[in-house]
Amino acid sequence: MAAAVQVATRVSPQVKLKASRVFEHYGLDTATALRMFLTVTADEQRIPIGIDRPLVEDFPNPETAEAIRQGNEFLASGKPGRYRNADELFEALDL
């Protein structure tokens, strides 16, 4: 792999702060997010836009959070496996 080069850009403090919050929402730091942007642009020869996950305070929403909790509880129960039909799965889920 060739030696890395440093890329610098100037943005307002407000833009950097707002962008950093979005990157953190996705578990990224600014350098990683910019590296991803440049890599996809180079590889796909297009401007990569369209990340769908919205930045909202209650993500996931309470209903989804409960479903995730129940799914994790089911996985921890030792019941996961293959089922021949939905009825067998529902029985394992106690539904």
N, C-alpha and C. Protein backbone atom coordinates (compact mmCIF):
# COMPACT_ATOMS: atom_id res chain seq x y z
N MET A 1 0.85 -1.18 0.00
CA MET A 1 0.00 0.00 0.00
C MET A 1 0.89 1.23 0.00
N ALA A 2 0.52 2.21 -0.79
CA ALA A 2 1.29 3.45 -0.86
C ALA A 2 1.16 4.22 0.45
N ALA A 3 2.11 5.10 0.65
CA ALA A 3 2.06 5.93 1.86
C ALA A 3 0.80 6.79 1.84
N ALA A 4 0.23 7.01 2.98
CA ALA A 4 -0.97 7.83 3.09
C ALA A 4 -0.60 9.30 2.95
N VAL A 5 -1.53 10.07 2.42
CA VAL A 5 -1.36 11.51 2.33
C VAL A 5 -2.38 12.17 3.25
N GLN A 6 -2.06 13.34 3.69
CA GLN A 6 -2.96 14.07 4.57
C GLN A 6 -3.81 15.01 3.74
N VAL A 7 -5.11 15.05 4.03
CA VAL A 7 -6.04 15.95 3.36
C VAL A 7 -6.56 16.91 4.41
N ALA A 8 -6.52 18.19 4.11
CA ALA A 8 -7.01 19.19 5.06
C ALA A 8 -8.09 20.03 4.39
N THR A 9 -9.05 20.45 5.16
CA THR A 9 -10.11 21.32 4.65
C THR A 9 -10.52 22.29 5.75
N ARG A 10 -11.10 23.37 5.35
CA ARG A 10 -11.58 24.36 6.32
C ARG A 10 -13.10 24.40 6.30
N VAL A 11 -13.68 24.34 7.48
CA VAL A 11 -15.13 24.48 7.65
C VAL A 11 -15.36 25.33 8.88
N SER A 12 -16.55 25.86 8.98
CA SER A 12 -16.87 26.67 10.15
C SER A 12 -16.95 25.77 11.38
N PRO A 13 -16.72 26.31 12.55
CA PRO A 13 -16.84 25.52 13.78
C PRO A 13 -18.23 24.90 13.94
N GLN A 14 -19.27 25.63 13.50
CA GLN A 14 -20.63 25.11 13.62
C GLN A 14 -20.83 23.89 12.73
N VAL A 15 -20.33 23.94 11.51
CA VAL A 15 -20.46 22.80 10.60
C VAL A 15 -19.71 21.60 11.16
N LYS A 16 -18.49 21.83 11.66
CA LYS A 16 -17.71 20.72 12.22
C LYS A 16 -18.43 20.09 13.40
N LEU A 17 -18.98 20.90 14.29
CA LEU A 17 -19.68 20.38 15.45
C LEU A 17 -20.93 19.59 15.04
N LYS A 18 -21.73 20.16 14.15
CA LYS A 18 -22.94 19.47 13.72
C LYS A 18 -22.61 18.17 12.99
N ALA A 19 -21.61 18.20 12.13
CA ALA A 19 -21.21 16.99 11.40
C ALA A 19 -20.66 15.95 12.37
N SER A 20 -19.87 16.38 13.33
CA SER A 20 -19.30 15.44 14.31
C SER A 20 -20.38 14.72 15.08
N ARG A 21 -21.46 15.41 15.41
CA ARG A 21 -22.58 14.79 16.12
C ARG A 21 -23.22 13.70 15.26
N VAL A 22 -23.37 13.97 13.97
CA VAL A 22 -23.95 12.97 13.07
C VAL A 22 -23.01 11.77 12.97
N PHE A 23 -21.71 12.02 12.78
CA PHE A 23 -20.75 10.93 12.69
C PHE A 23 -20.77 10.08 13.95
N GLU A 24 -20.82 10.72 15.11
CA GLU A 24 -20.88 9.99 16.37
C GLU A 24 -22.13 9.11 16.44
N HIS A 25 -23.24 9.61 15.91
CA HIS A 25 -24.48 8.84 15.87
C HIS A 25 -24.27 7.51 15.14
N TYR A 26 -23.41 7.53 14.14
CA TYR A 26 -23.10 6.32 13.37
C TYR A 26 -21.89 5.58 13.92
N GLY A 27 -21.34 6.04 15.03
CA GLY A 27 -20.19 5.37 15.63
C GLY A 27 -18.88 5.69 14.93
N LEU A 28 -18.81 6.84 14.28
CA LEU A 28 -17.61 7.22 13.53
C LEU A 28 -16.98 8.48 14.09
N ASP A 29 -15.69 8.61 13.88
CA ASP A 29 -15.06 9.90 14.13
C ASP A 29 -14.99 10.63 12.79
N THR A 30 -14.64 11.90 12.82
CA THR A 30 -14.63 12.70 11.60
C THR A 30 -13.65 12.16 10.57
N ALA A 31 -12.46 11.79 11.00
CA ALA A 31 -11.45 11.29 10.06
C ALA A 31 -11.93 10.03 9.35
N THR A 32 -12.55 9.12 10.09
CA THR A 32 -13.05 7.88 9.48
C THR A 32 -14.18 8.18 8.50
N ALA A 33 -15.09 9.07 8.87
CA ALA A 33 -16.20 9.42 7.98
C ALA A 33 -15.69 10.03 6.68
N LEU A 34 -14.73 10.93 6.79
CA LEU A 34 -14.18 11.55 5.58
C LEU A 34 -13.41 10.53 4.74
N ARG A 35 -12.69 9.63 5.40
CA ARG A 35 -11.98 8.56 4.68
C ARG A 35 -12.97 7.68 3.93
N MET A 36 -14.08 7.35 4.57
CA MET A 36 -15.12 6.56 3.91
C MET A 36 -15.67 7.29 2.70
N PHE A 37 -15.96 8.56 2.86
CA PHE A 37 -16.49 9.36 1.76
C PHE A 37 -15.54 9.37 0.58
N LEU A 38 -14.26 9.63 0.84
CA LEU A 38 -13.28 9.68 -0.24
C LEU A 38 -13.08 8.32 -0.89
N THR A 39 -13.07 7.25 -0.09
CA THR A 39 -12.86 5.91 -0.63
C THR A 39 -14.01 5.49 -1.54
N VAL A 40 -15.24 5.71 -1.09
CA VAL A 40 -16.40 5.36 -1.91
C VAL A 40 -16.43 6.21 -3.18
N THR A 41 -16.13 7.49 -3.06
CA THR A 41 -16.08 8.36 -4.23
C THR A 41 -15.07 7.83 -5.25
N ALA A 42 -13.89 7.46 -4.78
CA ALA A 42 -12.85 6.96 -5.68
C ALA A 42 -13.23 5.61 -6.27
N ASP A 43 -13.72 4.69 -5.45
CA ASP A 43 -14.04 3.35 -5.92
C ASP A 43 -15.23 3.32 -6.86
N GLU A 44 -16.27 4.09 -6.56
CA GLU A 44 -17.52 4.02 -7.32
C GLU A 44 -17.65 5.15 -8.34
N GLN A 45 -16.71 6.08 -8.32
CA GLN A 45 -16.72 7.20 -9.27
C GLN A 45 -18.04 7.97 -9.21
N ARG A 46 -18.48 8.22 -7.98
CA ARG A 46 -19.71 8.99 -7.78
C ARG A 46 -19.65 9.63 -6.41
N ILE A 47 -20.48 10.63 -6.19
CA ILE A 47 -20.60 11.25 -4.88
C ILE A 47 -21.56 10.39 -4.06
N PRO A 48 -21.07 9.81 -2.96
CA PRO A 48 -21.94 8.91 -2.18
C PRO A 48 -22.87 9.68 -1.25
N ILE A 49 -24.14 9.64 -1.57
CA ILE A 49 -25.14 10.25 -0.71
C ILE A 49 -26.25 9.25 -0.49
N GLY A 50 -27.10 9.51 0.47
CA GLY A 50 -28.27 8.68 0.66
C GLY A 50 -28.22 7.76 1.86
N ILE A 51 -27.47 8.09 2.89
CA ILE A 51 -27.53 7.29 4.12
C ILE A 51 -28.91 7.52 4.70
N ASP A 52 -29.63 6.44 4.90
CA ASP A 52 -31.05 6.54 5.22
C ASP A 52 -31.38 6.71 6.69
N ARG A 53 -30.53 6.27 7.57
CA ARG A 53 -30.86 6.27 8.99
C ARG A 53 -30.93 7.70 9.51
N PRO A 54 -32.11 8.15 9.91
CA PRO A 54 -32.24 9.53 10.38
C PRO A 54 -31.63 9.72 11.76
N LEU A 55 -31.18 10.92 11.99
CA LEU A 55 -30.64 11.28 13.30
C LEU A 55 -31.80 11.75 14.15
N VAL A 56 -32.27 10.89 15.03
CA VAL A 56 -33.38 11.24 15.91
C VAL A 56 -33.00 10.86 17.33
N GLU A 57 -33.56 11.56 18.25
CA GLU A 57 -33.23 11.33 19.66
C GLU A 57 -33.71 9.99 20.16
N ASP A 58 -34.86 9.54 19.67
CA ASP A 58 -35.43 8.30 20.19
C ASP A 58 -35.23 7.14 19.20
N PHE A 59 -34.00 7.00 18.72
CA PHE A 59 -33.69 5.89 17.82
C PHE A 59 -32.97 4.82 18.61
N PRO A 60 -33.41 3.62 18.62
CA PRO A 60 -34.66 3.20 18.02
C PRO A 60 -35.85 3.66 18.86
N ASN A 61 -37.01 3.70 18.23
CA ASN A 61 -38.19 4.12 18.97
C ASN A 61 -38.51 3.07 20.03
N PRO A 62 -39.35 3.41 21.01
CA PRO A 62 -39.62 2.47 22.11
C PRO A 62 -40.12 1.10 21.66
N GLU A 63 -40.97 1.05 20.64
CA GLU A 63 -41.49 -0.23 20.16
C GLU A 63 -40.37 -1.10 19.57
N THR A 64 -39.50 -0.47 18.79
CA THR A 64 -38.38 -1.21 18.21
C THR A 64 -37.40 -1.64 19.29
N ALA A 65 -37.14 -0.76 20.25
CA ALA A 65 -36.24 -1.10 21.35
C ALA A 65 -36.76 -2.31 22.12
N GLU A 66 -38.06 -2.37 22.33
CA GLU A 66 -38.67 -3.51 23.03
C GLU A 66 -38.52 -4.79 22.20
N ALA A 67 -38.73 -4.68 20.89
CA ALA A 67 -38.57 -5.85 20.02
C ALA A 67 -37.13 -6.35 20.04
N ILE A 68 -36.18 -5.43 20.04
CA ILE A 68 -34.76 -5.81 20.12
C ILE A 68 -34.47 -6.50 21.45
N ARG A 69 -35.02 -5.94 22.54
CA ARG A 69 -34.82 -6.54 23.85
C ARG A 69 -35.38 -7.96 23.87
N GLN A 70 -36.59 -8.14 23.33
CA GLN A 70 -37.20 -9.46 23.31
C GLN A 70 -36.38 -10.42 22.45
N GLY A 71 -35.89 -9.95 21.35
CA GLY A 71 -35.06 -10.80 20.48
C GLY A 71 -33.79 -11.23 21.18
N ASN A 72 -33.14 -10.31 21.87
CA ASN A 72 -31.92 -10.64 22.61
C ASN A 72 -32.22 -11.62 23.73
N GLU A 73 -33.36 -11.43 24.41
CA GLU A 73 -33.77 -12.33 25.47
C GLU A 73 -34.01 -13.74 24.90
N PHE A 74 -34.65 -13.82 23.75
CA PHE A 74 -34.91 -15.11 23.11
C PHE A 74 -33.59 -15.80 22.74
N LEU A 75 -32.66 -15.04 22.17
CA LEU A 75 -31.37 -15.62 21.81
C LEU A 75 -30.64 -16.15 23.04
N ALA A 76 -30.74 -15.42 24.14
CA ALA A 76 -30.06 -15.84 25.37
C ALA A 76 -30.74 -17.03 26.03
N SER A 77 -31.99 -17.31 25.66
CA SER A 77 -32.75 -18.39 26.31
C SER A 77 -32.30 -19.78 25.88
N GLY A 78 -31.56 -19.86 24.80
CA GLY A 78 -31.15 -21.16 24.31
C GLY A 78 -32.17 -21.81 23.41
N LYS A 79 -33.29 -21.16 23.14
CA LYS A 79 -34.34 -21.72 22.30
C LYS A 79 -34.11 -21.52 20.79
N PRO A 80 -33.23 -20.60 20.39
CA PRO A 80 -33.08 -20.38 18.96
C PRO A 80 -32.67 -21.65 18.23
N GLY A 81 -33.10 -21.75 17.03
CA GLY A 81 -32.78 -22.89 16.20
C GLY A 81 -33.60 -22.84 14.94
N ARG A 82 -33.72 -23.97 14.30
CA ARG A 82 -34.52 -24.05 13.09
C ARG A 82 -35.89 -24.61 13.43
N TYR A 83 -36.89 -24.07 12.77
CA TYR A 83 -38.26 -24.50 12.99
C TYR A 83 -38.86 -24.89 11.65
N ARG A 84 -39.68 -25.91 11.67
CA ARG A 84 -40.29 -26.39 10.42
C ARG A 84 -41.37 -25.46 9.91
N ASN A 85 -41.97 -24.70 10.82
CA ASN A 85 -43.03 -23.79 10.41
C ASN A 85 -43.18 -22.69 11.46
N ALA A 86 -44.03 -21.73 11.15
CA ALA A 86 -44.22 -20.59 12.04
C ALA A 86 -44.81 -21.01 13.38
N ASP A 87 -45.68 -22.03 13.37
CA ASP A 87 -46.28 -22.48 14.62
C ASP A 87 -45.22 -22.95 15.61
N GLU A 88 -44.21 -23.69 15.13
CA GLU A 88 -43.13 -24.14 16.01
C GLU A 88 -42.35 -22.96 16.56
N LEU A 89 -42.08 -21.97 15.72
CA LEU A 89 -41.38 -20.78 16.18
C LEU A 89 -42.20 -20.05 17.23
N PHE A 90 -43.49 -19.86 16.97
CA PHE A 90 -44.35 -19.16 17.92
C PHE A 90 -44.43 -19.91 19.24
N GLU A 91 -44.43 -21.23 19.18
CA GLU A 91 -44.45 -22.02 20.40
C GLU A 91 -43.16 -21.79 21.20
N ALA A 92 -42.02 -21.75 20.51
CA ALA A 92 -40.75 -21.50 21.18
C ALA A 92 -40.73 -20.09 21.79
N LEU A 93 -41.43 -19.17 21.14
CA LEU A 93 -41.50 -17.79 21.65
C LEU A 93 -42.56 -17.61 22.71
N ASP A 94 -43.27 -18.67 23.02
CA ASP A 94 -44.38 -18.60 23.99
C ASP A 94 -45.46 -17.62 23.55
N LEU A 95 -45.76 -17.63 22.25
CA LEU A 95 -46.81 -16.74 21.72
C LEU A 95 -48.06 -17.53 21.42
